[in-house]
Amino acid sequence: MSNAAKARLFVPAALSGGAEVVLPSDQAHYLRHVLRLGEGDVVALFNGRDGEFHAVLAAVGKKDVRLQVGMQTRPFAMAADLWLCFAPIRQGRIEMVIEKATELGVGRLLPVQTRRCQIPKVNGERLSAIAREAAEQSERLDVPPVENLVTLEKLLAEWPSGRRLYVCAERSEALPLLAAVQPRPKDEPCALLIGPEGGFAPEELGTILRHPAIVPVTLGQNILRAETAAIAALAILQAGRQN
């Protein structure tokens, strides 16, 4: 972030030089009462499609903040074409997965219901807010969408052709993830599938491994927590796609 910008915010409004943006109450409160910004202060804005712009606080009222958009500081660039499919895990840990996946450049977040998953639903609004905050902090130019929860069967049945799906198979004879990724084209669409805290049920694993898009991989001999596996695997995937 530029030294001139004292905060960075995601806004849904269109961004262009000279436009005016009115912030919703939560963001207005953050600027006024948390950061204690006032008229004339500069913030950075992005909306996931127009790039990043500097904007000046033009009017600070009791209930809203109006910003005058200035120059574009970065043109828009898409995140890597990498999805994370994950079984929901307990509160606190799922938020960590969303935050770190966003920081690591995931383009789409897909919660998946599996047989051993003990979390029957997810709070999509809450997880989307965490993704937005992580994008603001990490200086991403977009925010990955958090999709609705789907069953594993539906995910596999509707999986798009041409998108490779890496699945972490514990203590298997599969290739290490980095070795499996490096021979592939850097811009190849791909995804990662992480199971629940208890792992996939045997019948699920059989179905997964028979799917044509699946590439079974390993993260080593140790059994990792679901959130650890997701973060480690995403870091390896991104490193392998950049080399």
C-alpha atoms as a PDB file:
ATOM      1  CA  MET A   1       0.000   0.000   0.000  1.00  0.00           C
ATOM      2  CA  SER A   2       1.237   3.468  -0.760  1.00  0.00           C
ATOM      3  CA  ASN A   3       2.433   5.505   2.229  1.00  0.00           C
ATOM      4  CA  ALA A   4      -0.102   8.159   1.237  1.00  0.00           C
ATOM      5  CA  ALA A   5      -3.045   5.782   1.795  1.00  0.00           C
ATOM      6  CA  LYS A   6      -4.013   5.306   5.441  1.00  0.00           C
ATOM      7  CA  ALA A   7      -6.436   2.418   4.832  1.00  0.00           C
ATOM      8  CA  ARG A   8      -7.471   0.017   2.089  1.00  0.00           C
ATOM      9  CA  LEU A   9     -11.111  -0.888   1.515  1.00  0.00           C
ATOM     10  CA  PHE A  10     -13.175  -3.078  -0.779  1.00  0.00           C
ATOM     11  CA  VAL A  11     -16.236  -1.291  -2.174  1.00  0.00           C
ATOM     12  CA  PRO A  12     -18.873  -2.619  -4.606  1.00  0.00           C
ATOM     13  CA  ALA A  13     -19.233   0.724  -6.415  1.00  0.00           C
ATOM     14  CA  ALA A  14     -17.705   1.393  -9.831  1.00  0.00           C
ATOM     15  CA  LEU A  15     -14.360   3.159  -9.577  1.00  0.00           C
ATOM     16  CA  SER A  16     -12.990   5.816 -11.902  1.00  0.00           C
ATOM     17  CA  GLY A  17     -11.254   9.148 -11.506  1.00  0.00           C
ATOM     18  CA  GLY A  18     -13.654  11.814 -10.270  1.00  0.00           C
ATOM     19  CA  ALA A  19     -16.328   9.389  -9.057  1.00  0.00           C
ATOM     20  CA  GLU A  20     -17.906   9.744  -5.621  1.00  0.00           C
ATOM     21  CA  VAL A  21     -18.251   6.781  -3.269  1.00  0.00           C
ATOM     22  CA  VAL A  22     -20.432   6.707  -0.165  1.00  0.00           C
ATOM     23  CA  LEU A  23     -19.268   4.141   2.367  1.00  0.00           C
ATOM     24  CA  PRO A  24     -21.695   1.895   4.285  1.00  0.00           C
ATOM     25  CA  SER A  25     -21.994   2.468   8.019  1.00  0.00           C
ATOM     26  CA  ASP A  26     -19.528  -0.238   9.096  1.00  0.00           C
ATOM     27  CA  GLN A  27     -16.710   1.074   6.905  1.00  0.00           C
ATOM     28  CA  ALA A  28     -17.559   4.667   7.798  1.00  0.00           C
ATOM     29  CA  HIS A  29     -17.345   3.743  11.493  1.00  0.00           C
ATOM     30  CA  TYR A  30     -13.995   2.051  10.906  1.00  0.00           C
ATOM     31  CA  LEU A  31     -12.484   5.114   9.261  1.00  0.00           C
ATOM     32  CA  ARG A  32     -13.969   7.649  11.684  1.00  0.00           C
ATOM     33  CA  HIS A  33     -13.716   5.924  15.056  1.00  0.00           C
ATOM     34  CA  VAL A  34     -11.079   3.192  14.684  1.00  0.00           C
ATOM     35  CA  LEU A  35      -8.535   4.868  12.409  1.00  0.00           C
ATOM     36  CA  ARG A  36      -9.717   8.381  13.349  1.00  0.00           C
ATOM     37  CA  LEU A  37      -9.404   9.674   9.805  1.00  0.00           C
ATOM     38  CA  GLY A  38     -10.859  12.983   8.732  1.00  0.00           C
ATOM     39  CA  GLU A  39     -11.480  15.115   5.675  1.00  0.00           C
ATOM     40  CA  GLY A  40      -8.473  15.234   3.378  1.00  0.00           C
ATOM     41  CA  ASP A  41      -7.068  11.860   4.395  1.00  0.00           C
ATOM     42  CA  VAL A  42      -6.350   9.373   1.606  1.00  0.00           C
ATOM     43  CA  VAL A  43      -7.447   5.734   1.410  1.00  0.00           C
ATOM     44  CA  ALA A  44      -7.066   3.061  -1.252  1.00  0.00           C
ATOM     45  CA  LEU A  45     -10.179   1.517  -2.832  1.00  0.00           C
ATOM     46  CA  PHE A  46     -10.704  -1.597  -4.968  1.00  0.00           C
ATOM     47  CA  ASN A  47     -13.807  -3.401  -6.189  1.00  0.00           C
ATOM     48  CA  GLY A  48     -12.601  -6.590  -7.839  1.00  0.00           C
ATOM     49  CA  ARG A  49     -12.882  -5.328 -11.414  1.00  0.00           C
ATOM     50  CA  ASP A  50     -11.607  -1.765 -11.933  1.00  0.00           C
ATOM     51  CA  GLY A  51      -8.222  -1.965 -10.220  1.00  0.00           C
ATOM     52  CA  GLU A  52      -7.081   0.090  -7.249  1.00  0.00           C
ATOM     53  CA  PHE A  53      -7.609   3.836  -6.794  1.00  0.00           C
ATOM     54  CA  HIS A  54      -6.684   6.428  -4.247  1.00  0.00           C
ATOM     55  CA  ALA A  55      -9.587   8.397  -2.814  1.00  0.00           C
ATOM     56  CA  VAL A  56      -9.818  11.400  -0.527  1.00  0.00           C
ATOM     57  CA  LEU A  57     -12.269  11.692   2.351  1.00  0.00           C
ATOM     58  CA  ALA A  58     -14.342  14.573   1.050  1.00  0.00           C
ATOM     59  CA  ALA A  59     -17.055  14.687   3.717  1.00  0.00           C
ATOM     60  CA  VAL A  60     -17.176  12.964   7.105  1.00  0.00           C
ATOM     61  CA  GLY A  61     -20.622  13.003   8.629  1.00  0.00           C
ATOM     62  CA  LYS A  62     -22.139  11.390  11.705  1.00  0.00           C
ATOM     63  CA  LYS A  63     -23.570   8.480   9.707  1.00  0.00           C
ATOM     64  CA  ASP A  64     -21.617   8.296   6.472  1.00  0.00           C
ATOM     65  CA  VAL A  65     -18.341   9.092   4.770  1.00  0.00           C
ATOM     66  CA  ARG A  66     -18.108  10.374   1.206  1.00  0.00           C
ATOM     67  CA  LEU A  67     -14.977   9.756  -0.824  1.00  0.00           C
ATOM     68  CA  GLN A  68     -13.746  11.518  -3.952  1.00  0.00           C
ATOM     69  CA  VAL A  69     -11.959   9.010  -6.196  1.00  0.00           C
ATOM     70  CA  GLY A  70      -8.639  10.150  -7.621  1.00  0.00           C
ATOM     71  CA  MET A  71      -6.016   8.424  -9.726  1.00  0.00           C
ATOM     72  CA  GLN A  72      -5.730   4.712 -10.400  1.00  0.00           C
ATOM     73  CA  THR A  73      -2.712   3.249  -8.616  1.00  0.00           C
ATOM     74  CA  ARG A  74      -2.890  -0.305 -10.038  1.00  0.00           C
ATOM     75  CA  PRO A  75      -4.790  -1.793 -12.990  1.00  0.00           C
ATOM     76  CA  PHE A  76      -6.938  -4.830 -12.354  1.00  0.00           C
ATOM     77  CA  ALA A  77      -5.322  -8.264 -12.544  1.00  0.00           C
ATOM     78  CA  MET A  78      -7.068 -11.578 -11.970  1.00  0.00           C
ATOM     79  CA  ALA A  79      -5.949 -13.905  -9.194  1.00  0.00           C
ATOM     80  CA  ALA A  80      -4.522 -17.306 -10.062  1.00  0.00           C
ATOM     81  CA  ASP A  81      -7.088 -19.754 -11.463  1.00  0.00           C
ATOM     82  CA  LEU A  82      -6.929 -21.847  -8.310  1.00  0.00           C
ATOM     83  CA  TRP A  83      -9.920 -23.060  -6.296  1.00  0.00           C
ATOM     84  CA  LEU A  84     -10.038 -24.443  -2.771  1.00  0.00           C
ATOM     85  CA  CYS A  85     -12.627 -27.129  -2.047  1.00  0.00           C
ATOM     86  CA  PHE A  86     -12.785 -27.828   1.676  1.00  0.00           C
ATOM     87  CA  ALA A  87     -14.936 -29.651   4.193  1.00  0.00           C
ATOM     88  CA  PRO A  88     -16.219 -27.197   6.834  1.00  0.00           C
ATOM     89  CA  ILE A  89     -14.413 -27.449  10.159  1.00  0.00           C
ATOM     90  CA  ARG A  90     -15.125 -26.022  13.575  1.00  0.00           C
ATOM     91  CA  GLN A  91     -15.483 -22.323  14.273  1.00  0.00           C
ATOM     92  CA  GLY A  92     -12.209 -20.478  14.531  1.00  0.00           C
ATOM     93  CA  ARG A  93     -10.387 -22.904  12.274  1.00  0.00           C
ATOM     94  CA  ILE A  94     -12.633 -22.423   9.249  1.00  0.00           C
ATOM     95  CA  GLU A  95     -12.125 -18.679   9.521  1.00  0.00           C
ATOM     96  CA  MET A  96      -8.369 -19.278   9.442  1.00  0.00           C
ATOM     97  CA  VAL A  97      -8.713 -21.347   6.262  1.00  0.00           C
ATOM     98  CA  ILE A  98     -10.689 -18.578   4.535  1.00  0.00           C
ATOM     99  CA  GLU A  99      -8.275 -15.873   5.640  1.00  0.00           C
ATOM    100  CA  LYS A 100      -5.095 -17.697   4.653  1.00  0.00           C
ATOM    101  CA  ALA A 101      -6.535 -19.040   1.393  1.00  0.00           C
ATOM    102  CA  THR A 102      -7.415 -15.477   0.402  1.00  0.00           C
ATOM    103  CA  GLU A 103      -3.926 -14.264   1.295  1.00  0.00           C
ATOM    104  CA  LEU A 104      -2.443 -17.111  -0.770  1.00  0.00           C
ATOM    105  CA  GLY A 105      -4.358 -16.048  -3.874  1.00  0.00           C
ATOM    106  CA  VAL A 106      -7.192 -18.574  -4.141  1.00  0.00           C
ATOM    107  CA  GLY A 107      -9.745 -17.491  -6.731  1.00  0.00           C
ATOM    108  CA  ARG A 108     -12.794 -19.375  -5.452  1.00  0.00           C
ATOM    109  CA  LEU A 109     -13.773 -21.013  -2.142  1.00  0.00           C
ATOM    110  CA  LEU A 110     -16.074 -24.040  -2.235  1.00  0.00           C
ATOM    111  CA  PRO A 111     -17.269 -25.616   1.043  1.00  0.00           C
ATOM    112  CA  VAL A 112     -18.039 -29.332   0.581  1.00  0.00           C
ATOM    113  CA  GLN A 113     -20.210 -31.565   2.778  1.00  0.00           C
ATOM    114  CA  THR A 114     -18.626 -34.980   3.387  1.00  0.00           C
ATOM    115  CA  ARG A 115     -19.790 -37.966   5.444  1.00  0.00           C
ATOM    116  CA  ARG A 116     -17.469 -37.336   8.366  1.00  0.00           C
ATOM    117  CA  CYS A 117     -18.004 -33.601   8.385  1.00  0.00           C
ATOM    118  CA  GLN A 118     -19.541 -32.534  11.700  1.00  0.00           C
ATOM    119  CA  ILE A 119     -20.485 -29.040  10.552  1.00  0.00           C
ATOM    120  CA  PRO A 120     -23.908 -29.169   8.813  1.00  0.00           C
ATOM    121  CA  LYS A 121     -23.859 -25.608   7.476  1.00  0.00           C
ATOM    122  CA  VAL A 122     -21.625 -22.613   6.985  1.00  0.00           C
ATOM    123  CA  ASN A 123     -22.198 -18.929   7.556  1.00  0.00           C
ATOM    124  CA  GLY A 124     -21.500 -17.702   4.050  1.00  0.00           C
ATOM    125  CA  GLU A 125     -21.964 -14.045   4.959  1.00  0.00           C
ATOM    126  CA  ARG A 126     -19.432 -14.292   7.780  1.00  0.00           C
ATOM    127  CA  LEU A 127     -16.896 -16.173   5.658  1.00  0.00           C
ATOM    128  CA  SER A 128     -17.302 -13.689   2.802  1.00  0.00           C
ATOM    129  CA  ALA A 129     -16.571 -10.844   5.231  1.00  0.00           C
ATOM    130  CA  ILE A 130     -13.387 -12.595   6.341  1.00  0.00           C
ATOM    131  CA  ALA A 131     -12.321 -13.069   2.722  1.00  0.00           C
ATOM    132  CA  ARG A 132     -12.968  -9.384   2.055  1.00  0.00           C
ATOM    133  CA  GLU A 133     -10.915  -8.302   5.085  1.00  0.00           C
ATOM    134  CA  ALA A 134      -8.060 -10.621   4.069  1.00  0.00           C
ATOM    135  CA  ALA A 135      -8.098  -9.205   0.531  1.00  0.00           C
ATOM    136  CA  GLU A 136      -7.932  -5.681   1.918  1.00  0.00           C
ATOM    137  CA  GLN A 137      -4.971  -6.560   4.132  1.00  0.00           C
ATOM    138  CA  SER A 138      -3.043  -8.584   1.542  1.00  0.00           C
ATOM    139  CA  GLU A 139      -3.451  -5.973  -1.219  1.00  0.00           C
ATOM    140  CA  ARG A 140      -5.330  -8.288  -3.545  1.00  0.00           C
ATOM    141  CA  LEU A 141      -7.307  -6.633  -6.298  1.00  0.00           C
ATOM    142  CA  ASP A 142     -10.253  -9.028  -5.980  1.00  0.00           C
ATOM    143  CA  VAL A 143     -12.127 -10.969  -3.301  1.00  0.00           C
ATOM    144  CA  PRO A 144     -12.648 -14.723  -3.791  1.00  0.00           C
ATOM    145  CA  PRO A 145     -16.336 -15.687  -3.650  1.00  0.00           C
ATOM    146  CA  VAL A 146     -17.471 -18.166  -1.003  1.00  0.00           C
ATOM    147  CA  GLU A 147     -19.898 -20.529  -2.719  1.00  0.00           C
ATOM    148  CA  ASN A 148     -22.861 -22.340  -1.186  1.00  0.00           C
ATOM    149  CA  LEU A 149     -22.215 -25.615   0.603  1.00  0.00           C
ATOM    150  CA  VAL A 150     -22.528 -28.632  -1.736  1.00  0.00           C
ATOM    151  CA  THR A 151     -22.203 -32.364  -1.201  1.00  0.00           C
ATOM    152  CA  LEU A 152     -19.071 -34.141  -2.313  1.00  0.00           C
ATOM    153  CA  GLU A 153     -21.148 -36.172  -4.773  1.00  0.00           C
ATOM    154  CA  LYS A 154     -22.568 -33.027  -6.382  1.00  0.00           C
ATOM    155  CA  LEU A 155     -19.146 -31.390  -6.542  1.00  0.00           C
ATOM    156  CA  LEU A 156     -17.631 -34.340  -8.395  1.00  0.00           C
ATOM    157  CA  ALA A 157     -20.645 -34.889 -10.658  1.00  0.00           C
ATOM    158  CA  GLU A 158     -20.577 -31.262 -11.837  1.00  0.00           C
ATOM    159  CA  TRP A 159     -16.803 -30.836 -11.916  1.00  0.00           C
ATOM    160  CA  PRO A 160     -15.739 -28.849 -15.018  1.00  0.00           C
ATOM    161  CA  SER A 161     -13.682 -30.722 -17.565  1.00  0.00           C
ATOM    162  CA  GLY A 162     -10.145 -29.445 -17.972  1.00  0.00           C
ATOM    163  CA  ARG A 163      -9.712 -28.427 -14.326  1.00  0.00           C
ATOM    164  CA  ARG A 164      -7.291 -30.649 -12.434  1.00  0.00           C
ATOM    165  CA  LEU A 165      -8.309 -31.463  -8.835  1.00  0.00           C
ATOM    166  CA  TYR A 166      -5.518 -32.299  -6.407  1.00  0.00           C
ATOM    167  CA  VAL A 167      -6.648 -34.272  -3.355  1.00  0.00           C
ATOM    168  CA  CYS A 168      -4.445 -34.800  -0.332  1.00  0.00           C
ATOM    169  CA  ALA A 169      -4.387 -38.530   0.435  1.00  0.00           C
ATOM    170  CA  GLU A 170      -2.939 -39.285   3.861  1.00  0.00           C
ATOM    171  CA  ARG A 171      -0.123 -41.835   4.057  1.00  0.00           C
ATOM    172  CA  SER A 172      -0.535 -42.885   0.465  1.00  0.00           C
ATOM    173  CA  GLU A 173       1.935 -43.815  -2.252  1.00  0.00           C
ATOM    174  CA  ALA A 174       0.920 -40.722  -4.208  1.00  0.00           C
ATOM    175  CA  LEU A 175       3.436 -38.186  -5.460  1.00  0.00           C
ATOM    176  CA  PRO A 176       4.382 -35.291  -3.178  1.00  0.00           C
ATOM    177  CA  LEU A 177       2.283 -32.296  -4.141  1.00  0.00           C
ATOM    178  CA  LEU A 178       5.197 -30.191  -5.383  1.00  0.00           C
ATOM    179  CA  ALA A 179       6.390 -32.995  -7.676  1.00  0.00           C
ATOM    180  CA  ALA A 180       2.873 -33.407  -9.069  1.00  0.00           C
ATOM    181  CA  VAL A 181       2.461 -29.687  -9.782  1.00  0.00           C
ATOM    182  CA  GLN A 182       5.772 -28.689 -11.311  1.00  0.00           C
ATOM    183  CA  PRO A 183       5.425 -30.529 -14.662  1.00  0.00           C
ATOM    184  CA  ARG A 184       2.106 -28.799 -15.312  1.00  0.00           C
ATOM    185  CA  PRO A 185       1.620 -25.474 -17.176  1.00  0.00           C
ATOM    186  CA  LYS A 186       1.735 -22.540 -14.785  1.00  0.00           C
ATOM    187  CA  ASP A 187      -1.617 -21.160 -15.928  1.00  0.00           C
ATOM    188  CA  GLU A 188      -3.475 -24.491 -15.929  1.00  0.00           C
ATOM    189  CA  PRO A 189      -6.836 -24.251 -14.104  1.00  0.00           C
ATOM    190  CA  CYS A 190      -6.674 -26.382 -10.994  1.00  0.00           C
ATOM    191  CA  ALA A 191      -8.150 -26.888  -7.555  1.00  0.00           C
ATOM    192  CA  LEU A 192      -7.336 -28.437  -4.202  1.00  0.00           C
ATOM    193  CA  LEU A 193      -9.656 -30.711  -2.215  1.00  0.00           C
ATOM    194  CA  ILE A 194      -9.179 -30.962   1.561  1.00  0.00           C
ATOM    195  CA  GLY A 195     -11.226 -33.404   3.610  1.00  0.00           C
ATOM    196  CA  PRO A 196     -12.802 -33.080   7.073  1.00  0.00           C
ATOM    197  CA  GLU A 197     -11.050 -33.413  10.415  1.00  0.00           C
ATOM    198  CA  GLY A 198     -11.674 -37.170  10.432  1.00  0.00           C
ATOM    199  CA  GLY A 199     -10.587 -37.655   6.840  1.00  0.00           C
ATOM    200  CA  PHE A 200     -12.652 -38.989   3.950  1.00  0.00           C
ATOM    201  CA  ALA A 201     -14.737 -42.125   4.499  1.00  0.00           C
ATOM    202  CA  PRO A 202     -13.288 -45.152   2.626  1.00  0.00           C
ATOM    203  CA  GLU A 203     -16.173 -45.240   0.150  1.00  0.00           C
ATOM    204  CA  GLU A 204     -15.755 -41.503  -0.504  1.00  0.00           C
ATOM    205  CA  LEU A 205     -12.054 -41.906  -1.119  1.00  0.00           C
ATOM    206  CA  GLY A 206     -12.763 -44.678  -3.619  1.00  0.00           C
ATOM    207  CA  THR A 207     -15.187 -42.433  -5.502  1.00  0.00           C
ATOM    208  CA  ILE A 208     -12.735 -39.550  -5.435  1.00  0.00           C
ATOM    209  CA  LEU A 209      -9.828 -41.572  -6.798  1.00  0.00           C
ATOM    210  CA  ARG A 210     -11.922 -42.897  -9.702  1.00  0.00           C
ATOM    211  CA  HIS A 211     -12.791 -39.404 -10.901  1.00  0.00           C
ATOM    212  CA  PRO A 212     -10.872 -38.457 -14.089  1.00  0.00           C
ATOM    213  CA  ALA A 213      -9.942 -34.974 -12.831  1.00  0.00           C
ATOM    214  CA  ILE A 214      -8.381 -36.214  -9.601  1.00  0.00           C
ATOM    215  CA  VAL A 215      -4.645 -36.221  -8.937  1.00  0.00           C
ATOM    216  CA  PRO A 216      -3.891 -37.842  -5.548  1.00  0.00           C
ATOM    217  CA  VAL A 217      -0.981 -36.198  -3.736  1.00  0.00           C
ATOM    218  CA  THR A 218       0.673 -36.373  -0.345  1.00  0.00           C
ATOM    219  CA  LEU A 219       1.974 -33.758   2.066  1.00  0.00           C
ATOM    220  CA  GLY A 220       4.239 -36.212   3.867  1.00  0.00           C
ATOM    221  CA  GLN A 221       3.913 -38.945   6.471  1.00  0.00           C
ATOM    222  CA  ASN A 222       2.533 -36.819   9.297  1.00  0.00           C
ATOM    223  CA  ILE A 223      -1.219 -36.474   9.730  1.00  0.00           C
ATOM    224  CA  LEU A 224      -2.060 -32.773   9.495  1.00  0.00           C
ATOM    225  CA  ARG A 225      -5.087 -30.943  10.799  1.00  0.00           C
ATOM    226  CA  ALA A 226      -7.456 -29.924   8.044  1.00  0.00           C
ATOM    227  CA  GLU A 227      -6.580 -26.238   8.305  1.00  0.00           C
ATOM    228  CA  THR A 228      -2.843 -26.983   8.360  1.00  0.00           C
ATOM    229  CA  ALA A 229      -3.165 -29.203   5.294  1.00  0.00           C
ATOM    230  CA  ALA A 230      -5.104 -26.541   3.402  1.00  0.00           C
ATOM    231  CA  ILE A 231      -2.598 -23.766   4.119  1.00  0.00           C
ATOM    232  CA  ALA A 232       0.466 -25.939   3.463  1.00  0.00           C
ATOM    233  CA  ALA A 233      -0.940 -27.374   0.241  1.00  0.00           C
ATOM    234  CA  LEU A 234      -1.966 -23.975  -1.117  1.00  0.00           C
ATOM    235  CA  ALA A 235       1.490 -22.568  -0.429  1.00  0.00           C
ATOM    236  CA  ILE A 236       3.077 -25.522  -2.246  1.00  0.00           C
ATOM    237  CA  LEU A 237       0.670 -25.207  -5.172  1.00  0.00           C
ATOM    238  CA  GLN A 238       1.365 -21.519  -5.609  1.00  0.00           C
ATOM    239  CA  ALA A 239       5.119 -22.035  -5.306  1.00  0.00           C
ATOM    240  CA  GLY A 240       5.023 -24.868  -7.844  1.00  0.00           C
ATOM    241  CA  ARG A 241       2.962 -22.829 -10.317  1.00  0.00           C
ATOM    242  CA  GLN A 242       5.421 -19.923 -10.132  1.00  0.00           C
ATOM    243  CA  ASN A 243       8.595 -21.934 -10.744  1.00  0.00           C
END
